[in-house]
Protein backbone atom coordinates (compact mmCIF):
# COMPACT_ATOMS: atom_id res chain seq x y z
CA MET A 1 111.57 44.11 110.66
CA HIS A 2 109.13 41.69 112.31
CA ASP A 3 108.33 40.61 115.87
CA ILE A 4 110.01 37.57 117.41
CA ILE A 5 107.36 35.09 116.23
CA ASP A 6 107.18 36.34 112.63
CA THR A 7 110.99 36.53 112.42
CA ALA A 8 111.37 32.95 113.65
CA VAL A 9 108.69 31.64 111.29
CA ALA A 10 110.20 33.50 108.31
CA ALA A 11 113.64 32.02 109.04
CA GLY A 12 112.30 28.54 108.27
CA SER A 13 114.61 26.79 110.76
CA PHE A 14 112.37 27.13 113.81
CA LYS A 15 109.33 25.06 112.80
CA THR A 16 109.44 22.93 115.96
CA LEU A 17 109.87 25.98 118.17
CA ALA A 18 106.96 27.72 116.45
CA ALA A 19 104.75 24.65 116.92
CA ALA A 20 105.74 24.43 120.59
CA VAL A 21 105.11 28.14 121.22
CA THR A 22 101.69 27.79 119.57
CA ALA A 23 100.81 24.67 121.60
CA ALA A 24 101.83 26.41 124.83
CA GLY A 25 99.73 29.47 124.03
CA LEU A 26 102.72 31.82 124.08
CA VAL A 27 102.31 33.37 120.61
CA THR A 28 100.46 36.46 121.87
CA THR A 29 103.08 37.03 124.56
CA LEU A 30 106.01 36.79 122.14
CA LYS A 31 104.22 39.06 119.69
CA GLY A 32 103.72 41.57 122.52
CA ASP A 33 105.72 44.69 123.25
CA GLY A 34 108.54 42.99 125.13
CA PRO A 35 111.34 43.55 124.81
CA PHE A 36 112.49 39.95 125.04
CA THR A 37 115.72 38.11 124.40
CA VAL A 38 115.02 34.63 123.08
CA PHE A 39 117.64 31.88 123.03
CA ALA A 40 115.94 30.00 120.20
CA PRO A 41 116.67 26.32 119.63
CA SER A 42 116.73 25.49 115.94
CA ASP A 43 114.92 22.51 114.46
CA ASP A 44 118.27 20.68 114.57
CA ALA A 45 118.46 21.40 118.32
CA PHE A 46 115.04 19.84 118.89
CA ALA A 47 116.09 16.87 116.74
CA LYS A 48 118.86 16.11 119.27
CA LEU A 49 116.28 15.32 121.96
CA PRO A 50 115.50 11.63 122.55
CA ALA A 51 112.87 10.16 120.23
CA GLY A 52 109.34 11.00 121.30
CA THR A 53 110.36 13.90 123.58
CA VAL A 54 108.88 16.67 121.44
CA GLU A 55 105.64 14.77 120.95
CA ALA A 56 105.36 14.13 124.70
CA LEU A 57 106.05 17.80 125.50
CA LEU A 58 103.36 18.95 123.07
CA LYS A 59 100.90 16.96 125.23
CA ASP A 60 102.27 18.24 128.57
CA ILE A 61 101.58 21.99 128.29
CA PRO A 62 102.77 22.97 131.80
CA LYS A 63 106.15 21.28 131.24
CA LEU A 64 106.37 22.65 127.69
CA THR A 65 105.63 26.16 128.96
CA ALA A 66 108.31 25.84 131.67
CA ILE A 67 110.88 24.78 129.07
CA LEU A 68 109.96 27.48 126.56
CA THR A 69 109.95 30.30 129.12
CA TYR A 70 113.40 29.09 130.25
CA HIS A 71 114.64 30.24 126.83
CA VAL A 72 113.42 33.84 127.30
CA VAL A 73 115.03 36.69 129.22
CA ALA A 74 113.15 39.94 129.82
CA GLY A 75 114.79 42.87 128.06
CA LYS A 76 116.87 43.17 124.92
CA VAL A 77 120.32 41.66 125.52
CA HIS A 78 122.70 41.83 122.56
CA ALA A 79 125.69 39.54 122.05
CA ALA A 80 128.18 42.20 123.22
CA GLU A 81 126.34 42.36 126.56
CA VAL A 82 126.13 38.57 126.83
CA MET A 83 129.91 38.38 126.33
CA LYS A 84 130.37 40.54 129.46
CA MET A 85 128.38 38.03 131.52
CA ASP A 86 130.99 35.24 131.60
CA GLY A 87 130.54 33.18 134.74
CA LYS A 88 127.29 34.91 135.62
CA SER A 89 123.66 33.89 135.28
CA ALA A 90 120.62 35.49 133.70
CA LYS A 91 117.14 35.18 135.17
CA THR A 92 114.70 33.77 132.64
CA VAL A 93 110.98 34.45 132.33
CA ASN A 94 110.55 30.97 133.81
CA GLY A 95 112.05 32.31 137.06
CA ALA A 96 115.08 30.00 136.96
CA GLU A 97 118.55 31.18 136.00
CA VAL A 98 120.62 30.13 133.02
CA LYS A 99 124.42 30.10 133.42
CA ILE A 100 126.50 31.95 130.84
CA GLY A 101 130.04 31.06 129.82
CA THR A 102 132.10 32.66 127.08
CA THR A 103 135.12 30.36 126.78
CA GLY A 104 135.20 28.93 123.24
CA GLY A 105 132.06 30.84 122.25
CA VAL A 106 128.96 31.61 124.26
CA LYS A 107 127.58 28.59 126.09
CA LEU A 108 124.44 28.37 128.19
CA ASN A 109 124.49 25.97 131.13
CA GLY A 110 127.83 24.69 129.85
CA SER A 111 126.38 22.73 126.95
CA SER A 112 124.19 24.77 124.62
CA THR A 113 126.21 26.89 122.20
CA VAL A 114 124.97 30.13 120.69
CA THR A 115 125.44 29.68 116.93
CA LYS A 116 123.99 32.96 115.64
CA THR A 117 123.48 36.23 117.47
CA ASP A 118 121.62 39.50 117.34
CA ILE A 119 118.72 38.70 115.04
CA GLU A 120 116.87 41.97 115.52
CA CYS A 121 113.10 42.00 115.99
CA THR A 122 110.66 44.81 116.68
CA ASN A 123 110.11 43.49 120.20
CA GLY A 124 113.51 42.05 121.08
CA VAL A 125 116.38 39.98 119.82
CA ILE A 126 116.92 36.30 118.98
CA HIS A 127 120.11 34.31 119.57
CA VAL A 128 120.10 30.85 117.96
CA ILE A 129 121.27 27.91 120.11
CA ASP A 130 122.23 24.38 119.16
CA SER A 131 120.41 22.47 121.89
CA VAL A 132 117.23 22.77 123.94
CA LEU A 133 117.73 24.13 127.45
CA MET A 134 116.07 22.20 130.26
CA PRO A 135 115.18 24.17 133.39
CA PRO A 136 116.43 22.88 136.72
CA THR A 137 113.96 20.59 138.45
């Protein structure tokens, strides 16, 4: 078993996320003790963003960091626990809350669907999502 960063890199479907985490200087944090729960957008999720968005974010580190930390919850929250949170919110490392719904599968903020759950890591757990979450402004 690997930490969150090494697990995501080994999966091969989080190249954009890995590049973003590196650009934002968050690698050391996500390789740290944690535990963390990461709602990880796949490369396909990043591809859904308007053209040029990823490139612009890679140049705007404060905004990139705010978005990335909005995908992380302190602690290790498995899918069974997330399912009990229907209609509730979870506070992210960013400080803002993400809304959780469980009708028709787990959805975050009503639009991002969890597509794979409980990828175990030495310092937390990864849940794969199909779109990038944007923190409230």
